[in-house]
Amino acid sequence: MPIYVGYHSADVWANKKHFLLNRNGFPLLVSGVPPDAFSETGQLWDSPLYDWKAMEKDGYSWWIRRIRQAQELYDEFRIDHFRGFAGFWAVGPGKSLFDAISRAVGKINIIAEDLGVITEDVVQLRKAIGAPGMAVLQFGFGSDACNPHLPHNHEPNQVVYTGTHDNDTIRGWWDVLKEEEKSNVLKYLSINEENEIQWELIKAAISSVARTAVIPYARYSWIGEFIQNEYSGHPVWKLELEVT
């Protein structure tokens, strides 16, 4: 679940009072993030920001409806850019939002995407609501053995991914690694052949102490072309699967 919704969405059109819009209905501010591991220049998502004070006054009703609907559809779901509830170049609603949702819908089964610039307030918020955080194997193989994304540093209350919608395919990731990083990967996974990497990463994820492993379907194939799941909040492709 993306933390923000698009400006041209039905959500914004029907709930203008819950967003930071001017008198003509245009965004006063739009969403984005500063430079981090995903982008050297930062990202501009162009979605309107929430008016958290207005949302709090009506008991976060919009968020309650949104979470309740997701709870009916999924066993568990990830909220993207979780750090935005603690701060987003401004002050987020913090724990009060999740308290209101819990009172209305009961236990919420969310995964907090705690990637990017994660400060202590984000960590404390995630722990306060009991949501599992994330580990991404593709971020793990630098020179630091304490890297939290390496399997031996995973924690039980985490969800481990080989890569996310923001990452390249495993082959694309491998092709741009430095030689030292490639050596680290092969040594850590105890393999000699690079064409085994996608399966060994999957094994590493499944073997992790993390409570859940997620293997994105479009990411595990040994193809080099970048497959991007989302770009600035707008759909760019879809994959149709035949289920038998």
C-alpha atoms as a PDB file:
ATOM      1  CA  MET A   1       0.000   0.000   0.000  1.00  0.00           C
ATOM      2  CA  PRO A   2       1.562   3.356  -0.997  1.00  0.00           C
ATOM      3  CA  ILE A   3       1.514   5.877   1.830  1.00  0.00           C
ATOM      4  CA  TYR A   4       0.284   8.604  -0.534  1.00  0.00           C
ATOM      5  CA  VAL A   5      -2.418   8.680  -3.215  1.00  0.00           C
ATOM      6  CA  GLY A   6      -2.336  10.444  -6.568  1.00  0.00           C
ATOM      7  CA  TYR A   7      -3.649  13.976  -6.989  1.00  0.00           C
ATOM      8  CA  HIS A   8      -6.092  12.865  -9.708  1.00  0.00           C
ATOM      9  CA  SER A   9      -7.407   9.966  -7.615  1.00  0.00           C
ATOM     10  CA  ALA A  10     -10.967   9.550  -6.378  1.00  0.00           C
ATOM     11  CA  ASP A  11      -9.584   9.668  -2.825  1.00  0.00           C
ATOM     12  CA  VAL A  12      -8.381  13.247  -3.197  1.00  0.00           C
ATOM     13  CA  TRP A  13     -11.418  14.350  -5.215  1.00  0.00           C
ATOM     14  CA  ALA A  14     -13.862  13.051  -2.593  1.00  0.00           C
ATOM     15  CA  ASN A  15     -11.853  14.016   0.509  1.00  0.00           C
ATOM     16  CA  LYS A  16     -10.304  17.399  -0.248  1.00  0.00           C
ATOM     17  CA  LYS A  17     -10.426  18.501   3.390  1.00  0.00           C
ATOM     18  CA  HIS A  18      -7.958  15.748   4.291  1.00  0.00           C
ATOM     19  CA  PHE A  19      -5.224  17.009   1.960  1.00  0.00           C
ATOM     20  CA  LEU A  20      -3.070  20.132   1.844  1.00  0.00           C
ATOM     21  CA  LEU A  21      -4.780  21.881  -1.070  1.00  0.00           C
ATOM     22  CA  ASN A  22      -5.329  25.540  -1.850  1.00  0.00           C
ATOM     23  CA  ARG A  23      -8.744  27.162  -2.368  1.00  0.00           C
ATOM     24  CA  ASN A  24      -8.709  26.073  -6.017  1.00  0.00           C
ATOM     25  CA  GLY A  25      -8.024  22.465  -5.111  1.00  0.00           C
ATOM     26  CA  PHE A  26      -4.365  22.381  -6.155  1.00  0.00           C
ATOM     27  CA  PRO A  27      -1.647  20.913  -3.879  1.00  0.00           C
ATOM     28  CA  LEU A  28       0.073  23.321  -1.520  1.00  0.00           C
ATOM     29  CA  LEU A  29       2.898  20.804  -1.096  1.00  0.00           C
ATOM     30  CA  VAL A  30       3.728  17.516  -2.804  1.00  0.00           C
ATOM     31  CA  SER A  31       5.445  14.360  -1.600  1.00  0.00           C
ATOM     32  CA  GLY A  32       8.997  13.193  -2.102  1.00  0.00           C
ATOM     33  CA  VAL A  33      12.142  12.082  -0.292  1.00  0.00           C
ATOM     34  CA  PRO A  34      15.714  13.380  -0.008  1.00  0.00           C
ATOM     35  CA  PRO A  35      18.663  11.517  -1.596  1.00  0.00           C
ATOM     36  CA  ASP A  36      19.126   7.982  -0.233  1.00  0.00           C
ATOM     37  CA  ALA A  37      20.178   4.487  -1.332  1.00  0.00           C
ATOM     38  CA  PHE A  38      17.471   4.435  -4.023  1.00  0.00           C
ATOM     39  CA  SER A  39      18.319   7.761  -5.658  1.00  0.00           C
ATOM     40  CA  GLU A  40      21.328  10.089  -5.554  1.00  0.00           C
ATOM     41  CA  THR A  41      19.140  13.091  -6.348  1.00  0.00           C
ATOM     42  CA  GLY A  42      16.090  12.247  -4.251  1.00  0.00           C
ATOM     43  CA  GLN A  43      12.607  11.516  -5.564  1.00  0.00           C
ATOM     44  CA  LEU A  44       9.627  13.720  -6.407  1.00  0.00           C
ATOM     45  CA  TRP A  45       6.424  11.673  -6.161  1.00  0.00           C
ATOM     46  CA  ASP A  46       4.128  14.612  -6.851  1.00  0.00           C
ATOM     47  CA  SER A  47       1.285  13.357  -4.628  1.00  0.00           C
ATOM     48  CA  PRO A  48      -0.479  15.856  -2.336  1.00  0.00           C
ATOM     49  CA  LEU A  49       0.407  15.686   1.342  1.00  0.00           C
ATOM     50  CA  TYR A  50      -2.121  14.878   4.042  1.00  0.00           C
ATOM     51  CA  ASP A  51      -3.541  17.507   6.344  1.00  0.00           C
ATOM     52  CA  TRP A  52      -2.811  15.477   9.468  1.00  0.00           C
ATOM     53  CA  LYS A  53      -4.455  17.981  11.808  1.00  0.00           C
ATOM     54  CA  ALA A  54      -7.713  17.789   9.851  1.00  0.00           C
ATOM     55  CA  MET A  55      -7.492  13.997   9.763  1.00  0.00           C
ATOM     56  CA  GLU A  56      -6.911  13.807  13.501  1.00  0.00           C
ATOM     57  CA  LYS A  57      -9.956  15.998  14.198  1.00  0.00           C
ATOM     58  CA  ASP A  58     -12.295  13.508  12.529  1.00  0.00           C
ATOM     59  CA  GLY A  59     -10.590  10.484  14.086  1.00  0.00           C
ATOM     60  CA  TYR A  60      -8.570   9.510  11.001  1.00  0.00           C
ATOM     61  CA  SER A  61     -11.754   8.209   9.352  1.00  0.00           C
ATOM     62  CA  TRP A  62     -10.209   8.117   5.861  1.00  0.00           C
ATOM     63  CA  TRP A  63      -7.285   6.014   7.042  1.00  0.00           C
ATOM     64  CA  ILE A  64      -9.592   3.720   8.989  1.00  0.00           C
ATOM     65  CA  ARG A  65     -11.649   3.048   5.852  1.00  0.00           C
ATOM     66  CA  ARG A  66      -8.499   2.479   3.832  1.00  0.00           C
ATOM     67  CA  ILE A  67      -6.946   0.047   6.330  1.00  0.00           C
ATOM     68  CA  ARG A  68     -10.238  -1.786   6.896  1.00  0.00           C
ATOM     69  CA  GLN A  69     -10.596  -2.383   3.152  1.00  0.00           C
ATOM     70  CA  ALA A  70      -7.017  -3.679   2.922  1.00  0.00           C
ATOM     71  CA  GLN A  71      -7.585  -5.958   5.915  1.00  0.00           C
ATOM     72  CA  GLU A  72     -10.541  -7.525   4.090  1.00  0.00           C
ATOM     73  CA  LEU A  73      -8.469  -8.147   0.957  1.00  0.00           C
ATOM     74  CA  TYR A  74      -5.111  -9.309   2.313  1.00  0.00           C
ATOM     75  CA  ASP A  75      -3.725 -11.458   5.125  1.00  0.00           C
ATOM     76  CA  GLU A  76      -0.952  -8.907   5.598  1.00  0.00           C
ATOM     77  CA  PHE A  77       0.145  -5.847   3.654  1.00  0.00           C
ATOM     78  CA  ARG A  78       3.126  -3.522   3.517  1.00  0.00           C
ATOM     79  CA  ILE A  79       2.754   0.224   3.909  1.00  0.00           C
ATOM     80  CA  ASP A  80       5.315   1.880   1.680  1.00  0.00           C
ATOM     81  CA  HIS A  81       7.467   4.741   3.043  1.00  0.00           C
ATOM     82  CA  PHE A  82       6.504   4.043   6.656  1.00  0.00           C
ATOM     83  CA  ARG A  83       8.866   6.761   7.875  1.00  0.00           C
ATOM     84  CA  GLY A  84       6.345   9.323   6.544  1.00  0.00           C
ATOM     85  CA  PHE A  85       4.141   8.682   9.583  1.00  0.00           C
ATOM     86  CA  ALA A  86       6.919   9.993  11.830  1.00  0.00           C
ATOM     87  CA  GLY A  87       8.107  12.812   9.597  1.00  0.00           C
ATOM     88  CA  PHE A  88       8.193  13.848   5.926  1.00  0.00           C
ATOM     89  CA  TRP A  89      10.085  17.149   5.919  1.00  0.00           C
ATOM     90  CA  ALA A  90       7.390  18.111   8.437  1.00  0.00           C
ATOM     91  CA  VAL A  91       5.789  16.412  11.450  1.00  0.00           C
ATOM     92  CA  GLY A  92       3.724  13.253  10.912  1.00  0.00           C
ATOM     93  CA  PRO A  93       0.826  11.991  13.061  1.00  0.00           C
ATOM     94  CA  GLY A  94       2.931   9.393  14.868  1.00  0.00           C
ATOM     95  CA  LYS A  95       1.331   6.689  16.988  1.00  0.00           C
ATOM     96  CA  SER A  96      -2.033   8.458  17.378  1.00  0.00           C
ATOM     97  CA  LEU A  97      -2.982   7.450  13.816  1.00  0.00           C
ATOM     98  CA  PHE A  98      -2.375   3.753  14.470  1.00  0.00           C
ATOM     99  CA  ASP A  99      -4.105   3.910  17.849  1.00  0.00           C
ATOM    100  CA  ALA A 100      -7.225   5.273  16.140  1.00  0.00           C
ATOM    101  CA  ILE A 101      -7.082   2.599  13.428  1.00  0.00           C
ATOM    102  CA  SER A 102      -6.609  -0.191  15.984  1.00  0.00           C
ATOM    103  CA  ARG A 103      -9.590   0.977  18.022  1.00  0.00           C
ATOM    104  CA  ALA A 104     -11.743   0.935  14.894  1.00  0.00           C
ATOM    105  CA  VAL A 105     -10.595  -2.224  13.098  1.00  0.00           C
ATOM    106  CA  GLY A 106      -8.707  -4.229  15.712  1.00  0.00           C
ATOM    107  CA  LYS A 107      -5.250  -5.664  15.144  1.00  0.00           C
ATOM    108  CA  ILE A 108      -3.679  -4.399  11.931  1.00  0.00           C
ATOM    109  CA  ASN A 109      -1.302  -6.672  10.042  1.00  0.00           C
ATOM    110  CA  ILE A 110       1.054  -4.242   8.347  1.00  0.00           C
ATOM    111  CA  ILE A 111       4.696  -4.406   7.321  1.00  0.00           C
ATOM    112  CA  ALA A 112       6.567  -1.135   7.807  1.00  0.00           C
ATOM    113  CA  GLU A 113       8.794  -0.205   4.881  1.00  0.00           C
ATOM    114  CA  ASP A 114      11.556   1.210   7.071  1.00  0.00           C
ATOM    115  CA  LEU A 115      14.064   1.905   4.293  1.00  0.00           C
ATOM    116  CA  GLY A 116      15.789   5.124   3.296  1.00  0.00           C
ATOM    117  CA  VAL A 117      16.660   7.734   5.911  1.00  0.00           C
ATOM    118  CA  ILE A 118      15.499   6.056   9.124  1.00  0.00           C
ATOM    119  CA  THR A 119      15.881   8.108  12.280  1.00  0.00           C
ATOM    120  CA  GLU A 120      15.332   6.953  15.856  1.00  0.00           C
ATOM    121  CA  ASP A 121      11.780   8.336  15.954  1.00  0.00           C
ATOM    122  CA  VAL A 122      10.855   6.059  13.042  1.00  0.00           C
ATOM    123  CA  VAL A 123      12.355   3.036  14.799  1.00  0.00           C
ATOM    124  CA  GLN A 124      10.508   3.813  18.022  1.00  0.00           C
ATOM    125  CA  LEU A 125       7.206   4.332  16.176  1.00  0.00           C
ATOM    126  CA  ARG A 126       7.507   0.992  14.383  1.00  0.00           C
ATOM    127  CA  LYS A 127       8.286  -0.803  17.639  1.00  0.00           C
ATOM    128  CA  ALA A 128       5.460   0.983  19.457  1.00  0.00           C
ATOM    129  CA  ILE A 129       2.849  -0.364  17.033  1.00  0.00           C
ATOM    130  CA  GLY A 130       4.503  -3.793  16.816  1.00  0.00           C
ATOM    131  CA  ALA A 131       4.938  -3.771  13.035  1.00  0.00           C
ATOM    132  CA  PRO A 132       7.746  -5.827  11.471  1.00  0.00           C
ATOM    133  CA  GLY A 133      10.412  -3.902   9.583  1.00  0.00           C
ATOM    134  CA  MET A 134      12.236  -4.905   6.408  1.00  0.00           C
ATOM    135  CA  ALA A 135      15.569  -6.293   5.264  1.00  0.00           C
ATOM    136  CA  VAL A 136      16.574  -6.264   1.581  1.00  0.00           C
ATOM    137  CA  LEU A 137      19.327  -8.677   0.558  1.00  0.00           C
ATOM    138  CA  GLN A 138      20.451  -6.556  -2.382  1.00  0.00           C
ATOM    139  CA  PHE A 139      21.488  -3.848   0.087  1.00  0.00           C
ATOM    140  CA  GLY A 140      23.609  -6.190   2.183  1.00  0.00           C
ATOM    141  CA  PHE A 141      26.861  -6.917   0.407  1.00  0.00           C
ATOM    142  CA  GLY A 142      29.217  -4.016   0.962  1.00  0.00           C
ATOM    143  CA  SER A 143      32.260  -4.195   3.210  1.00  0.00           C
ATOM    144  CA  ASP A 144      30.429  -3.799   6.521  1.00  0.00           C
ATOM    145  CA  ALA A 145      29.710  -7.066   8.335  1.00  0.00           C
ATOM    146  CA  CYS A 146      27.265  -5.159  10.560  1.00  0.00           C
ATOM    147  CA  ASN A 147      25.054  -4.237   7.600  1.00  0.00           C
ATOM    148  CA  PRO A 148      21.488  -4.896   8.856  1.00  0.00           C
ATOM    149  CA  HIS A 149      20.466  -6.347   5.491  1.00  0.00           C
ATOM    150  CA  LEU A 150      22.927  -9.270   5.727  1.00  0.00           C
ATOM    151  CA  PRO A 151      21.126 -12.471   6.795  1.00  0.00           C
ATOM    152  CA  HIS A 152      23.150 -12.977   9.983  1.00  0.00           C
ATOM    153  CA  ASN A 153      21.951  -9.558  11.201  1.00  0.00           C
ATOM    154  CA  HIS A 154      18.252 -10.148  10.535  1.00  0.00           C
ATOM    155  CA  GLU A 155      15.757 -10.090  13.388  1.00  0.00           C
ATOM    156  CA  PRO A 156      12.687 -12.291  13.925  1.00  0.00           C
ATOM    157  CA  ASN A 157      10.260  -9.373  13.669  1.00  0.00           C
ATOM    158  CA  GLN A 158      11.282  -8.535  10.103  1.00  0.00           C
ATOM    159  CA  VAL A 159      10.245  -9.362   6.569  1.00  0.00           C
ATOM    160  CA  VAL A 160      13.162 -10.142   4.257  1.00  0.00           C
ATOM    161  CA  TYR A 161      13.057  -9.381   0.527  1.00  0.00           C
ATOM    162  CA  THR A 162      15.533 -10.378  -2.152  1.00  0.00           C
ATOM    163  CA  GLY A 163      14.665  -6.989  -3.653  1.00  0.00           C
ATOM    164  CA  THR A 164      11.694  -4.622  -3.695  1.00  0.00           C
ATOM    165  CA  HIS A 165       9.753  -2.746  -6.373  1.00  0.00           C
ATOM    166  CA  ASP A 166      12.479  -0.067  -6.196  1.00  0.00           C
ATOM    167  CA  ASN A 167      15.321  -2.519  -6.886  1.00  0.00           C
ATOM    168  CA  ASP A 168      16.660  -3.904 -10.133  1.00  0.00           C
ATOM    169  CA  THR A 169      16.285  -7.547 -11.109  1.00  0.00           C
ATOM    170  CA  ILE A 170      18.856  -9.817  -9.485  1.00  0.00           C
ATOM    171  CA  ARG A 171      20.812 -10.007 -12.767  1.00  0.00           C
ATOM    172  CA  GLY A 172      20.625  -6.252 -13.275  1.00  0.00           C
ATOM    173  CA  TRP A 173      21.793  -5.726  -9.685  1.00  0.00           C
ATOM    174  CA  TRP A 174      24.673  -8.171 -10.161  1.00  0.00           C
ATOM    175  CA  ASP A 175      25.848  -6.579 -13.411  1.00  0.00           C
ATOM    176  CA  VAL A 176      26.485  -3.181 -11.800  1.00  0.00           C
ATOM    177  CA  LEU A 177      28.133  -4.431  -8.593  1.00  0.00           C
ATOM    178  CA  LYS A 178      31.798  -3.603  -8.054  1.00  0.00           C
ATOM    179  CA  GLU A 179      34.202  -6.534  -8.196  1.00  0.00           C
ATOM    180  CA  GLU A 180      34.747  -6.362  -4.434  1.00  0.00           C
ATOM    181  CA  GLU A 181      30.993  -6.546  -3.874  1.00  0.00           C
ATOM    182  CA  LYS A 182      30.656  -9.489  -6.270  1.00  0.00           C
ATOM    183  CA  SER A 183      33.399 -11.266  -4.375  1.00  0.00           C
ATOM    184  CA  ASN A 184      31.593 -10.562  -1.100  1.00  0.00           C
ATOM    185  CA  VAL A 185      28.356 -12.015  -2.479  1.00  0.00           C
ATOM    186  CA  LEU A 186      29.984 -15.205  -3.776  1.00  0.00           C
ATOM    187  CA  LYS A 187      31.933 -15.714  -0.566  1.00  0.00           C
ATOM    188  CA  TYR A 188      28.967 -15.034   1.712  1.00  0.00           C
ATOM    189  CA  LEU A 189      26.663 -17.359  -0.212  1.00  0.00           C
ATOM    190  CA  SER A 190      29.434 -20.001  -0.584  1.00  0.00           C
ATOM    191  CA  ILE A 191      29.055 -20.318  -4.352  1.00  0.00           C
ATOM    192  CA  ASN A 192      31.422 -20.160  -7.324  1.00  0.00           C
ATOM    193  CA  GLU A 193      29.127 -19.611 -10.294  1.00  0.00           C
ATOM    194  CA  GLU A 194      27.327 -16.308 -10.800  1.00  0.00           C
ATOM    195  CA  ASN A 195      24.372 -17.975 -12.520  1.00  0.00           C
ATOM    196  CA  GLU A 196      23.492 -19.572  -9.169  1.00  0.00           C
ATOM    197  CA  ILE A 197      23.058 -16.234  -7.441  1.00  0.00           C
ATOM    198  CA  GLN A 198      19.318 -15.741  -7.881  1.00  0.00           C
ATOM    199  CA  TRP A 199      18.561 -19.136  -6.333  1.00  0.00           C
ATOM    200  CA  GLU A 200      21.082 -18.706  -3.526  1.00  0.00           C
ATOM    201  CA  LEU A 201      19.609 -15.307  -2.643  1.00  0.00           C
ATOM    202  CA  ILE A 202      16.182 -16.923  -2.495  1.00  0.00           C
ATOM    203  CA  LYS A 203      17.580 -19.664  -0.245  1.00  0.00           C
ATOM    204  CA  ALA A 204      19.204 -17.022   1.975  1.00  0.00           C
ATOM    205  CA  ALA A 205      15.894 -15.190   2.293  1.00  0.00           C
ATOM    206  CA  ILE A 206      13.937 -18.340   3.101  1.00  0.00           C
ATOM    207  CA  SER A 207      16.588 -19.457   5.618  1.00  0.00           C
ATOM    208  CA  SER A 208      16.614 -16.109   7.430  1.00  0.00           C
ATOM    209  CA  VAL A 209      15.364 -15.793  11.015  1.00  0.00           C
ATOM    210  CA  ALA A 210      13.025 -13.094   9.702  1.00  0.00           C
ATOM    211  CA  ARG A 211       9.391 -14.108  10.178  1.00  0.00           C
ATOM    212  CA  THR A 212       8.529 -13.835   6.471  1.00  0.00           C
ATOM    213  CA  ALA A 213      10.432 -14.005   3.174  1.00  0.00           C
ATOM    214  CA  VAL A 214       9.142 -12.239   0.056  1.00  0.00           C
ATOM    215  CA  ILE A 215      10.450 -13.207  -3.390  1.00  0.00           C
ATOM    216  CA  PRO A 216       9.038 -10.741  -5.974  1.00  0.00           C
ATOM    217  CA  TYR A 217       7.966 -12.718  -9.042  1.00  0.00           C
ATOM    218  CA  ALA A 218       9.361 -10.282 -11.594  1.00  0.00           C
ATOM    219  CA  ARG A 219      12.722 -10.006  -9.816  1.00  0.00           C
ATOM    220  CA  TYR A 220      14.101 -13.507  -9.466  1.00  0.00           C
ATOM    221  CA  SER A 221      14.582 -14.323 -13.162  1.00  0.00           C
ATOM    222  CA  TRP A 222      18.140 -14.143 -14.498  1.00  0.00           C
ATOM    223  CA  ILE A 223      17.421 -11.290 -16.915  1.00  0.00           C
ATOM    224  CA  GLY A 224      19.361  -8.068 -16.952  1.00  0.00           C
ATOM    225  CA  GLU A 225      16.823  -5.525 -18.083  1.00  0.00           C
ATOM    226  CA  PHE A 226      15.448  -3.325 -15.334  1.00  0.00           C
ATOM    227  CA  ILE A 227      11.808  -4.018 -14.572  1.00  0.00           C
ATOM    228  CA  GLN A 228      10.363  -1.127 -12.605  1.00  0.00           C
ATOM    229  CA  ASN A 229       7.124  -1.663 -10.708  1.00  0.00           C
ATOM    230  CA  GLU A 230       6.329   1.984 -10.193  1.00  0.00           C
ATOM    231  CA  TYR A 231       7.549   5.383 -11.276  1.00  0.00           C
ATOM    232  CA  SER A 232       6.526   8.589  -9.524  1.00  0.00           C
ATOM    233  CA  GLY A 233       3.181   7.122  -8.487  1.00  0.00           C
ATOM    234  CA  HIS A 234       1.993   6.199 -11.987  1.00  0.00           C
ATOM    235  CA  PRO A 235       1.621   2.660 -13.431  1.00  0.00           C
ATOM    236  CA  VAL A 236       4.079   1.838 -16.230  1.00  0.00           C
ATOM    237  CA  TRP A 237       3.575  -1.877 -16.872  1.00  0.00           C
ATOM    238  CA  LYS A 238       1.669  -4.932 -15.740  1.00  0.00           C
ATOM    239  CA  LEU A 239       2.323  -8.658 -15.689  1.00  0.00           C
ATOM    240  CA  GLU A 240      -0.494 -11.096 -16.355  1.00  0.00           C
ATOM    241  CA  LEU A 241      -0.085 -14.545 -14.820  1.00  0.00           C
ATOM    242  CA  GLU A 242      -2.059 -17.614 -15.788  1.00  0.00           C
ATOM    243  CA  VAL A 243      -2.922 -19.464 -12.595  1.00  0.00           C
ATOM    244  CA  THR A 244      -3.828 -23.148 -12.878  1.00  0.00           C
END
